[in-house]
Amino acid sequence: MTTIIDQNRGQRPRHPEKSHRPDNVPPRKPDWIRVKAPSGRGFLRTREIVREHGLHTVCEEAGCPNIGECWDQAHATMMIMGDTCTRACGFCNVRTGLPGALDPHEPENVARAVQKLGLKHVVITSVDRDDLDDGGAQHFALTVRWLRELAPDTTVEILTPDFLRKPGAVETVMQAPPDVFNHNLETVPRLYLGIRPGARYYASLRLLDRVKDIDPDAFTKSGLMVGLGESREEVMQVMDDLRTARVDFLTIGQYLQPSRKHAAVHRFVPPEEFAGLEATARAKGFLMVSASPLTRSSYHAGEDFARLRAARRADGQ
């Protein structure tokens, strides 16, 4: 279903910078991309716990198609540092604007919610906070430390911004440290100006490579969307770039257009093409690959992390 971004319960538009853009009418979704509406006791309980602790989730803010399945199993991806992003990416449905001050209690509240949900693996992501001197790196580190304190048996995956022009940010985060460091490239370099206008492709690659410099044994992960007009050759080059940056785990999923004002879906990639991309990525040396129309960075992240660890042991690393 398409979200109309200018109708926001009487509040200001979620994406004021997109309001005057011409409409991109999305094509009809094929059968393989359709999902059931959220329902069930597990879903309602997860929502209740998230609300109780005053938290935001990327599942809701980004309109993830897997929210029903994941929340029914108590798998929620926590989004820290508020619900308003300082950037205006062409693909993203998270609110754009000037964020408020950081909530000093949020790291503890995230950990208490994870403890109550009984998660074996949790993904922590955030909005971009270019307004902060460290881009929110210390807030990430505090959240990981609270999770270690209150949910010591839970493995922690962080999905971070690029911390562009924030010296020392990745070092601060890695002092915590997380079990998985994830940063998504999202698309091919040619499309960055329209899809990730505030980001720089090679800065994101350097960020991932820097994690390996700090800790060669760290698990690193990145993700791509397809269906934005990229060529297969461009996707192959991104895979090679990620392997050069020593990234362990690659996710590839279909881009879904949040509204008519967002970047257009150029095509829906069929499942057999995803299977081919997965086979190619594995051949290039990724320890773990997840590629399907509904794959997202945090989709089945716990099960995938277990497979990733097993793959490293089998590989003798």
Protein backbone atom coordinates (compact mmCIF):
# COMPACT_ATOMS: atom_id res chain seq x y z
CA MET A 1 0.00 0.00 0.00
CA THR A 2 1.26 3.51 -0.80
CA THR A 3 1.65 6.04 2.01
CA ILE A 4 0.49 9.59 1.30
CA ILE A 5 3.18 11.63 3.01
CA ASP A 6 1.22 14.90 3.18
CA GLN A 7 -1.49 13.36 5.35
CA ASN A 8 0.00 12.99 8.82
CA ARG A 9 -2.78 13.25 11.36
CA GLY A 10 -2.87 17.05 11.25
CA GLN A 11 0.88 17.38 11.85
CA ARG A 12 3.47 18.74 9.46
CA PRO A 13 4.45 16.51 6.51
CA ARG A 14 6.92 13.73 7.25
CA HIS A 15 8.99 14.85 4.27
CA PRO A 16 8.53 18.58 3.63
CA GLU A 17 11.48 18.60 1.24
CA LYS A 18 9.62 16.14 -1.03
CA SER A 19 6.21 17.83 -0.96
CA HIS A 20 6.68 19.80 -4.19
CA ARG A 21 8.16 16.97 -6.22
CA PRO A 22 6.14 15.50 -9.08
CA ASP A 23 4.39 12.24 -8.32
CA ASN A 24 6.07 8.93 -9.16
CA VAL A 25 3.18 6.52 -9.53
CA PRO A 26 4.45 3.13 -8.33
CA PRO A 27 3.80 0.07 -10.49
CA ARG A 28 1.48 -2.65 -9.24
CA LYS A 29 3.23 -5.05 -6.90
CA PRO A 30 3.67 -8.61 -8.14
CA ASP A 31 2.37 -11.52 -6.08
CA TRP A 32 5.80 -12.36 -4.68
CA ILE A 33 6.10 -8.99 -2.91
CA ARG A 34 2.75 -9.02 -1.09
CA VAL A 35 2.56 -9.56 2.68
CA LYS A 36 -0.20 -10.05 5.23
CA ALA A 37 -1.39 -7.18 7.41
CA PRO A 38 0.03 -7.18 10.97
CA SER A 39 -2.02 -9.12 13.51
CA GLY A 40 -1.76 -11.73 16.26
CA ARG A 41 -0.99 -11.80 19.96
CA GLY A 42 2.77 -11.65 19.48
CA PHE A 43 2.48 -8.54 17.34
CA LEU A 44 0.26 -6.79 19.88
CA ARG A 45 2.53 -7.71 22.79
CA THR A 46 5.62 -6.40 20.99
CA ARG A 47 3.83 -3.15 20.19
CA GLU A 48 2.74 -2.80 23.82
CA ILE A 49 6.30 -3.22 25.13
CA VAL A 50 7.70 -0.76 22.59
CA ARG A 51 5.06 1.82 23.57
CA GLU A 52 5.53 1.17 27.31
CA HIS A 53 9.20 2.15 27.09
CA GLY A 54 8.61 5.12 24.80
CA LEU A 55 10.74 3.69 21.99
CA HIS A 56 10.81 4.06 18.23
CA THR A 57 11.33 1.22 15.79
CA VAL A 58 12.52 1.31 12.21
CA CYS A 59 9.87 -1.33 11.55
CA GLU A 60 7.18 1.33 11.97
CA GLU A 61 9.00 4.49 10.94
CA ALA A 62 10.32 3.06 7.68
CA GLY A 63 7.14 1.10 6.90
CA CYS A 64 8.90 -2.28 6.76
CA PRO A 65 6.80 -4.92 4.94
CA ASN A 66 7.95 -7.62 7.38
CA ILE A 67 6.63 -5.97 10.55
CA GLY A 68 3.76 -8.42 10.97
CA GLU A 69 5.96 -11.51 10.78
CA CYS A 70 8.82 -10.08 12.86
CA TRP A 71 6.75 -8.51 15.63
CA ASP A 72 4.65 -11.64 15.96
CA GLN A 73 7.93 -13.33 16.97
CA ALA A 74 8.96 -10.36 19.18
CA HIS A 75 11.71 -9.33 16.75
CA ALA A 76 11.67 -5.53 16.76
CA THR A 77 14.48 -3.34 15.42
CA MET A 78 14.97 -0.45 17.83
CA MET A 79 15.61 2.99 16.34
CA ILE A 80 17.48 5.25 18.75
CA MET A 81 18.06 9.02 18.90
CA GLY A 82 14.48 9.98 18.05
CA ASP A 83 12.18 9.63 15.06
CA THR A 84 13.45 12.59 13.00
CA CYS A 85 16.41 12.35 10.61
CA THR A 86 18.68 15.20 9.57
CA ARG A 87 18.96 13.81 6.04
CA ALA A 88 16.44 13.42 3.23
CA CYS A 89 17.24 10.19 1.40
CA GLY A 90 15.14 9.53 -1.67
CA PHE A 91 14.14 6.02 -0.59
CA CYS A 92 13.42 6.41 3.12
CA ASN A 93 10.13 6.99 4.92
CA VAL A 94 11.62 8.13 8.25
CA ARG A 95 10.57 11.70 9.14
CA THR A 96 12.93 14.49 8.02
CA GLY A 97 13.63 17.66 10.00
CA LEU A 98 15.47 19.08 12.99
CA PRO A 99 15.61 16.46 15.77
CA GLY A 100 15.18 17.16 19.45
CA ALA A 101 17.70 16.55 22.22
CA LEU A 102 18.84 13.01 22.95
CA ASP A 103 16.92 11.15 25.64
CA PRO A 104 19.54 10.19 28.27
CA HIS A 105 17.31 7.34 29.47
CA GLU A 106 16.85 5.80 26.04
CA PRO A 107 19.83 3.39 26.15
CA GLU A 108 18.55 1.90 29.41
CA ASN A 109 14.94 1.81 28.16
CA VAL A 110 16.02 -0.04 25.02
CA ALA A 111 17.85 -2.62 27.14
CA ARG A 112 14.85 -3.07 29.44
CA ALA A 113 12.53 -3.58 26.46
CA VAL A 114 14.89 -6.14 24.95
CA GLN A 115 15.09 -7.90 28.32
CA LYS A 116 11.29 -8.01 28.55
CA LEU A 117 10.92 -9.27 24.98
CA GLY A 118 13.43 -12.02 25.70
CA LEU A 119 15.39 -11.45 22.49
CA LYS A 120 18.33 -13.69 21.66
CA HIS A 121 19.54 -11.18 19.06
CA VAL A 122 18.66 -7.51 18.68
CA VAL A 123 19.31 -4.95 15.95
CA ILE A 124 19.80 -1.33 17.01
CA THR A 125 19.66 1.33 14.33
CA SER A 126 19.17 5.10 14.35
CA VAL A 127 18.25 8.17 12.40
CA ASP A 128 21.11 10.24 11.01
CA ARG A 129 22.13 12.86 13.57
CA ASP A 130 24.43 15.20 11.68
CA ASP A 131 23.59 17.85 14.29
CA LEU A 132 25.60 15.99 16.95
CA ASP A 133 29.37 16.39 17.28
CA ASP A 134 29.89 12.62 17.19
CA GLY A 135 26.87 11.74 15.05
CA GLY A 136 25.44 9.82 18.00
CA ALA A 137 28.35 7.40 18.37
CA GLN A 138 28.45 7.68 22.16
CA HIS A 139 24.69 7.05 22.33
CA PHE A 140 25.18 3.84 20.33
CA ALA A 141 27.98 2.77 22.67
CA LEU A 142 25.87 3.48 25.77
CA THR A 143 23.00 1.46 24.34
CA VAL A 144 25.26 -1.52 23.70
CA ARG A 145 26.69 -1.28 27.23
CA TRP A 146 23.21 -1.21 28.80
CA LEU A 147 22.28 -4.25 26.73
CA ARG A 148 25.36 -6.07 28.01
CA GLU A 149 24.30 -5.19 31.55
CA LEU A 150 20.59 -6.05 31.41
CA ALA A 151 20.47 -8.64 28.62
CA PRO A 152 23.89 -10.33 28.74
CA ASP A 153 22.76 -13.35 26.72
CA THR A 154 21.49 -11.22 23.83
CA THR A 155 23.79 -10.73 20.86
CA VAL A 156 23.83 -7.14 19.60
CA GLU A 157 23.88 -5.94 16.00
CA ILE A 158 24.11 -2.24 15.28
CA LEU A 159 23.07 -0.65 11.98
CA THR A 160 24.74 2.75 12.01
CA PRO A 161 24.74 5.95 9.96
CA ASP A 162 27.96 6.79 8.11
CA PHE A 163 29.15 9.28 10.78
CA LEU A 164 30.30 11.49 7.89
CA ARG A 165 32.86 14.07 8.98
CA LYS A 166 32.69 12.89 12.62
CA PRO A 167 36.29 11.91 13.51
CA GLY A 168 36.61 9.13 16.07
CA ALA A 169 32.94 8.08 15.88
CA VAL A 170 33.48 4.51 14.72
CA GLU A 171 36.24 4.06 17.30
CA THR A 172 33.81 5.13 20.03
CA VAL A 173 31.19 2.64 18.86
CA MET A 174 33.67 -0.22 18.61
CA GLN A 175 34.79 0.28 22.21
CA ALA A 176 31.42 -1.07 23.37
CA PRO A 177 31.66 -3.41 21.29
CA PRO A 178 28.75 -4.85 19.25
CA ASP A 179 28.64 -8.42 17.92
CA VAL A 180 27.85 -7.20 14.39
CA PHE A 181 28.65 -3.81 12.84
CA ASN A 182 26.25 -3.09 9.98
CA HIS A 183 26.25 -0.10 7.67
CA ASN A 184 24.26 -0.16 4.45
CA LEU A 185 25.58 1.14 1.14
CA GLU A 186 21.95 1.00 -0.09
CA THR A 187 22.63 1.47 -3.80
CA VAL A 188 25.29 1.81 -6.49
CA PRO A 189 27.53 4.92 -6.63
CA ARG A 190 25.88 6.35 -9.78
CA LEU A 191 22.54 6.69 -7.96
CA TYR A 192 23.82 8.28 -4.75
CA LEU A 193 22.93 11.87 -5.65
CA GLY A 194 19.22 11.04 -5.84
CA ILE A 195 19.01 8.16 -3.36
CA ARG A 196 21.54 9.08 -0.64
CA PRO A 197 22.28 12.78 -1.32
CA GLY A 198 23.84 13.42 2.09
CA ALA A 199 26.14 10.37 1.94
CA ARG A 200 29.34 9.49 0.09
CA TYR A 201 29.81 5.99 -1.32
CA TYR A 202 33.53 5.71 -0.62
CA ALA A 203 33.15 7.19 2.86
CA SER A 204 30.72 4.37 3.66
CA LEU A 205 33.18 1.80 2.31
CA ARG A 206 35.98 3.30 4.40
CA LEU A 207 33.76 3.14 7.49
CA LEU A 208 33.24 -0.59 7.05
CA ASP A 209 36.93 -1.15 6.33
CA ARG A 210 37.89 0.89 9.40
CA VAL A 211 35.87 -1.48 11.62
CA LYS A 212 38.11 -4.33 10.42
CA ASP A 213 41.20 -2.21 11.10
CA ILE A 214 40.04 -1.75 14.69
CA ASP A 215 39.07 -5.40 15.17
CA PRO A 216 39.88 -7.87 12.38
CA ASP A 217 37.64 -10.44 14.08
CA ALA A 218 34.58 -8.17 14.08
CA PHE A 219 31.62 -9.25 11.97
CA THR A 220 30.70 -6.62 9.39
CA LYS A 221 27.59 -6.40 7.27
CA SER A 222 26.11 -4.20 4.56
CA GLY A 223 22.97 -4.09 2.44
CA LEU A 224 21.75 -3.11 -1.02
CA MET A 225 18.36 -2.34 -2.53
CA VAL A 226 17.65 -3.30 -6.12
CA GLY A 227 14.96 -2.09 -8.49
CA LEU A 228 16.13 1.54 -8.48
CA GLY A 229 17.54 1.52 -12.00
CA GLU A 230 20.95 -0.02 -11.26
CA SER A 231 22.59 -2.40 -13.74
CA ARG A 232 23.77 -5.90 -12.89
CA GLU A 233 27.34 -4.84 -13.64
CA GLU A 234 27.06 -2.03 -11.10
CA VAL A 235 25.79 -4.44 -8.45
CA MET A 236 28.74 -6.77 -9.19
CA GLN A 237 31.13 -3.85 -8.68
CA VAL A 238 29.55 -2.98 -5.32
CA MET A 239 30.00 -6.61 -4.26
CA ASP A 240 33.69 -6.41 -5.21
CA ASP A 241 34.10 -3.13 -3.34
CA LEU A 242 32.53 -4.63 -0.22
CA ARG A 243 34.81 -7.65 -0.37
CA THR A 244 37.80 -5.30 -0.70
CA ALA A 245 36.54 -3.64 2.50
CA ARG A 246 36.48 -7.15 4.08
CA VAL A 247 32.72 -7.18 4.67
CA ASP A 248 31.44 -10.59 5.82
CA PHE A 249 27.68 -10.44 5.25
CA LEU A 250 25.63 -8.96 2.41
CA THR A 251 21.86 -8.46 2.27
CA ILE A 252 20.02 -7.64 -0.97
CA GLY A 253 16.32 -6.73 -1.08
CA GLN A 254 13.73 -5.13 -3.34
CA TYR A 255 13.24 -1.37 -3.04
CA LEU A 256 9.63 -0.53 -2.20
CA GLN A 257 8.46 3.03 -2.78
CA PRO A 258 7.00 4.54 0.44
CA SER A 259 5.02 7.24 -1.37
CA ARG A 260 4.53 8.92 -4.74
CA LYS A 261 7.03 11.59 -3.71
CA HIS A 262 9.86 9.12 -3.12
CA ALA A 263 12.29 7.69 -5.68
CA ALA A 264 10.50 5.60 -8.27
CA VAL A 265 10.56 1.82 -8.44
CA HIS A 266 12.07 1.06 -11.85
CA ARG A 267 11.19 -2.62 -11.71
CA PHE A 268 10.37 -5.49 -9.41
CA VAL A 269 13.23 -7.98 -9.48
CA PRO A 270 11.92 -11.56 -9.70
CA PRO A 271 12.93 -14.17 -7.08
CA GLU A 272 15.09 -16.12 -9.53
CA GLU A 273 17.27 -13.04 -10.08
CA PHE A 274 17.75 -12.72 -6.34
CA ALA A 275 18.84 -16.37 -6.24
CA GLY A 276 21.40 -15.58 -8.94
CA LEU A 277 22.69 -12.54 -7.03
CA GLU A 278 23.04 -14.64 -3.87
CA ALA A 279 25.01 -17.33 -5.70
CA THR A 280 27.31 -14.70 -7.22
CA ALA A 281 27.90 -12.99 -3.86
CA ARG A 282 28.77 -16.29 -2.21
CA ALA A 283 31.19 -17.05 -5.03
CA LYS A 284 32.88 -13.70 -4.40
CA GLY A 285 33.66 -14.76 -0.85
CA PHE A 286 30.96 -13.37 1.46
CA LEU A 287 30.55 -15.65 4.47
CA MET A 288 26.81 -14.99 4.58
CA VAL A 289 24.36 -13.70 1.98
CA SER A 290 20.63 -13.07 2.25
CA ALA A 291 18.94 -12.06 -1.01
CA SER A 292 15.21 -12.08 -1.68
CA PRO A 293 12.47 -9.57 -2.54
CA LEU A 294 11.57 -9.05 1.14
CA THR A 295 15.09 -9.20 2.58
CA ARG A 296 15.90 -6.27 4.86
CA SER A 297 18.97 -5.64 7.04
CA SER A 298 17.28 -6.88 10.19
CA TYR A 299 15.01 -9.53 8.65
CA HIS A 300 15.85 -12.90 10.28
CA ALA A 301 18.99 -11.22 11.63
CA GLY A 302 19.32 -13.57 14.61
CA GLU A 303 19.16 -16.74 12.54
CA ASP A 304 21.51 -15.22 9.97
CA PHE A 305 24.02 -14.23 12.66
CA ALA A 306 24.09 -17.83 13.92
CA ARG A 307 24.79 -18.99 10.35
CA LEU A 308 27.46 -16.31 9.97
CA ARG A 309 29.34 -17.50 13.05
CA ALA A 310 29.06 -21.09 11.88
CA ALA A 311 30.38 -20.13 8.43
CA ARG A 312 33.41 -18.42 9.96
CA ARG A 313 34.18 -21.47 12.09
CA ALA A 314 33.84 -23.72 9.04
CA ASP A 315 36.08 -21.39 7.06
CA GLY A 316 38.71 -21.58 9.79
CA GLN A 317 38.82 -17.83 10.38
